[in-house]
Structure formats: C-alpha cells, structure tokens
C-alpha cells in the first residue's frame, strides 16, 4: 500500500498514513528558522516496514522546500540524516560550508 505523509501544523507533527490510518508521526517545534524534531513514533505492528524512513525523508524535503534547517533532537532523525548524507546540509548542527575571512 502507498504511504502518504502530511504536515499536520495544528499538532506540530508530520504524519504518515496508510489507507487513511495514521501509522506514525514525527513531532517538531517550529522556531520560524528551524524545525526541531523531538520525537518519531511508528504505531505497534507497523515497525520494520520503512515507514519511519519515508516519513523523515518527506519531512526533510519540506524543510528544504521551506529553505529552513532541521535540528534533530530525536535519535531516529539524527541517525537517518547520518545515513543519508545528501540531507546533511539541512542539519543545523552541521559545520558551515564555504569560505571564511
């Protein structure tokens, strides 16, 4: 089945659903410049199906589209970014790139 991800701004979380049932979420705090990812959760019985990775990829795509950065406090999001270096530039903790002085 196809998983759909949406940003539920009222609850400050990205939600992933399958057949109109929410199977997981990634909670965040929006500072205006950063999305601080605080917790990721997949509902029991839905673990190991790739939903968490799909969820975080979609969330990081939104971060990029909004020209923001992510501060991954959640260990899962930290690990996902580490395993997907093409999203490393979105990590607020990353060292600045480019010339200095």
C-alpha atoms as a PDB file:
ATOM      1  CA  UNK A   1       0.000   0.000   0.000  1.00  0.00           C
ATOM      2  CA  UNK A   2       1.049   3.570  -0.602  1.00  0.00           C
ATOM      3  CA  UNK A   3       2.025   5.670   2.380  1.00  0.00           C
ATOM      4  CA  UNK A   4       1.113   9.352   2.436  1.00  0.00           C
ATOM      5  CA  UNK A   5       2.906  11.992   4.512  1.00  0.00           C
ATOM      6  CA  UNK A   6       1.385  15.308   5.503  1.00  0.00           C
ATOM      7  CA  UNK A   7       2.402  18.167   7.756  1.00  0.00           C
ATOM      8  CA  UNK A   8      -0.230  18.490  10.470  1.00  0.00           C
ATOM      9  CA  UNK A   9       0.679  22.012  11.584  1.00  0.00           C
ATOM     10  CA  UNK A  10      -2.093  22.077  14.208  1.00  0.00           C
ATOM     11  CA  UNK A  11      -0.386  19.204  16.048  1.00  0.00           C
ATOM     12  CA  UNK A  12       3.175  20.256  15.038  1.00  0.00           C
ATOM     13  CA  UNK A  13       3.995  16.926  13.501  1.00  0.00           C
ATOM     14  CA  UNK A  14       4.419  15.159  10.203  1.00  0.00           C
ATOM     15  CA  UNK A  15       2.087  12.180   9.950  1.00  0.00           C
ATOM     16  CA  UNK A  16       2.370   9.107   7.766  1.00  0.00           C
ATOM     17  CA  UNK A  17      -0.796   7.245   6.895  1.00  0.00           C
ATOM     18  CA  UNK A  18      -1.681   4.092   5.028  1.00  0.00           C
ATOM     19  CA  UNK A  19      -5.255   3.566   3.824  1.00  0.00           C
ATOM     20  CA  UNK A  20      -6.272   6.716   5.732  1.00  0.00           C
ATOM     21  CA  UNK A  21      -4.929   5.323   9.031  1.00  0.00           C
ATOM     22  CA  UNK A  22      -2.091   7.201  10.756  1.00  0.00           C
ATOM     23  CA  UNK A  23       0.716   4.713  11.319  1.00  0.00           C
ATOM     24  CA  UNK A  24       3.333   7.126  12.631  1.00  0.00           C
ATOM     25  CA  UNK A  25       4.458  10.674  13.216  1.00  0.00           C
ATOM     26  CA  UNK A  26       7.481  12.900  13.681  1.00  0.00           C
ATOM     27  CA  UNK A  27       6.845  15.675  16.201  1.00  0.00           C
ATOM     28  CA  UNK A  28       8.560  19.034  15.819  1.00  0.00           C
ATOM     29  CA  UNK A  29       8.754  22.548  17.159  1.00  0.00           C
ATOM     30  CA  UNK A  30       8.800  25.319  14.553  1.00  0.00           C
ATOM     31  CA  UNK A  31      11.004  28.255  15.581  1.00  0.00           C
ATOM     32  CA  UNK A  32      10.475  30.102  12.312  1.00  0.00           C
ATOM     33  CA  UNK A  33      14.026  29.313  11.172  1.00  0.00           C
ATOM     34  CA  UNK A  34      14.326  25.722  12.346  1.00  0.00           C
ATOM     35  CA  UNK A  35      12.181  22.650  12.636  1.00  0.00           C
ATOM     36  CA  UNK A  36      13.323  20.977  15.856  1.00  0.00           C
ATOM     37  CA  UNK A  37      12.485  17.276  15.551  1.00  0.00           C
ATOM     38  CA  UNK A  38      11.769  15.978  19.042  1.00  0.00           C
ATOM     39  CA  UNK A  39      10.231  12.526  18.628  1.00  0.00           C
ATOM     40  CA  UNK A  40       9.435   9.938  15.968  1.00  0.00           C
ATOM     41  CA  UNK A  41       6.973   7.139  16.589  1.00  0.00           C
ATOM     42  CA  UNK A  42       5.597   4.294  14.490  1.00  0.00           C
ATOM     43  CA  UNK A  43       2.488   2.520  15.765  1.00  0.00           C
ATOM     44  CA  UNK A  44       2.890  -1.060  17.015  1.00  0.00           C
ATOM     45  CA  UNK A  45       2.547  -3.589  14.227  1.00  0.00           C
ATOM     46  CA  UNK A  46       3.871  -1.151  11.644  1.00  0.00           C
ATOM     47  CA  UNK A  47       7.553  -1.214  12.587  1.00  0.00           C
ATOM     48  CA  UNK A  48      10.095  -2.534  10.104  1.00  0.00           C
ATOM     49  CA  UNK A  49       8.103  -1.558   7.034  1.00  0.00           C
ATOM     50  CA  UNK A  50      10.148   1.510   6.124  1.00  0.00           C
ATOM     51  CA  UNK A  51       7.508   3.983   7.257  1.00  0.00           C
ATOM     52  CA  UNK A  52       9.830   5.932   9.562  1.00  0.00           C
ATOM     53  CA  UNK A  53      12.383   6.467   6.798  1.00  0.00           C
ATOM     54  CA  UNK A  54       9.674   7.509   4.341  1.00  0.00           C
ATOM     55  CA  UNK A  55       8.288   9.893   6.962  1.00  0.00           C
ATOM     56  CA  UNK A  56      11.617  11.576   7.719  1.00  0.00           C
ATOM     57  CA  UNK A  57      12.588  11.845   4.046  1.00  0.00           C
ATOM     58  CA  UNK A  58       9.317  13.647   3.314  1.00  0.00           C
ATOM     59  CA  UNK A  59       9.819  15.899   6.342  1.00  0.00           C
ATOM     60  CA  UNK A  60      13.371  16.777   5.239  1.00  0.00           C
ATOM     61  CA  UNK A  61      12.086  17.541   1.739  1.00  0.00           C
ATOM     62  CA  UNK A  62       9.658  20.028   3.310  1.00  0.00           C
ATOM     63  CA  UNK A  63      12.479  21.557   5.366  1.00  0.00           C
ATOM     64  CA  UNK A  64      14.429  22.054   2.131  1.00  0.00           C
ATOM     65  CA  UNK A  65      11.408  23.473   0.272  1.00  0.00           C
ATOM     66  CA  UNK A  66      10.857  25.993   3.060  1.00  0.00           C
ATOM     67  CA  UNK A  67      14.532  26.995   2.983  1.00  0.00           C
ATOM     68  CA  UNK A  68      14.856  26.090   6.666  1.00  0.00           C
ATOM     69  CA  UNK A  69      17.190  23.921   8.734  1.00  0.00           C
ATOM     70  CA  UNK A  70      16.419  20.943  10.946  1.00  0.00           C
ATOM     71  CA  UNK A  71      17.637  20.424  14.492  1.00  0.00           C
ATOM     72  CA  UNK A  72      17.304  16.678  15.066  1.00  0.00           C
ATOM     73  CA  UNK A  73      16.924  16.122  18.802  1.00  0.00           C
ATOM     74  CA  UNK A  74      15.195  12.808  18.105  1.00  0.00           C
ATOM     75  CA  UNK A  75      17.773   9.983  17.864  1.00  0.00           C
ATOM     76  CA  UNK A  76      15.974   8.403  14.901  1.00  0.00           C
ATOM     77  CA  UNK A  77      16.125  11.624  12.881  1.00  0.00           C
ATOM     78  CA  UNK A  78      19.797  12.066  13.819  1.00  0.00           C
ATOM     79  CA  UNK A  79      20.554   8.552  12.582  1.00  0.00           C
ATOM     80  CA  UNK A  80      18.523   8.983   9.406  1.00  0.00           C
ATOM     81  CA  UNK A  81      20.407  12.151   8.458  1.00  0.00           C
ATOM     82  CA  UNK A  82      23.722  10.410   9.179  1.00  0.00           C
ATOM     83  CA  UNK A  83      22.729   7.573   6.817  1.00  0.00           C
ATOM     84  CA  UNK A  84      21.504   9.986   4.134  1.00  0.00           C
ATOM     85  CA  UNK A  85      24.339  12.485   3.637  1.00  0.00           C
ATOM     86  CA  UNK A  86      22.503  14.207   0.788  1.00  0.00           C
ATOM     87  CA  UNK A  87      20.365  15.746   3.556  1.00  0.00           C
ATOM     88  CA  UNK A  88      23.302  16.628   5.810  1.00  0.00           C
ATOM     89  CA  UNK A  89      23.239  20.265   4.699  1.00  0.00           C
ATOM     90  CA  UNK A  90      19.843  20.618   6.406  1.00  0.00           C
ATOM     91  CA  UNK A  91      21.229  19.669   9.833  1.00  0.00           C
ATOM     92  CA  UNK A  92      21.591  22.803  11.939  1.00  0.00           C
ATOM     93  CA  UNK A  93      24.491  21.141  13.780  1.00  0.00           C
ATOM     94  CA  UNK A  94      26.498  20.687  10.577  1.00  0.00           C
ATOM     95  CA  UNK A  95      29.632  22.733  10.163  1.00  0.00           C
ATOM     96  CA  UNK A  96      29.175  25.757   7.894  1.00  0.00           C
ATOM     97  CA  UNK A  97      30.461  25.302   4.410  1.00  0.00           C
ATOM     98  CA  UNK A  98      32.187  27.875   2.299  1.00  0.00           C
ATOM     99  CA  UNK A  99      34.946  30.404   2.650  1.00  0.00           C
ATOM    100  CA  UNK A 100      35.647  32.308   5.822  1.00  0.00           C
ATOM    101  CA  UNK A 101      37.596  35.531   6.306  1.00  0.00           C
END
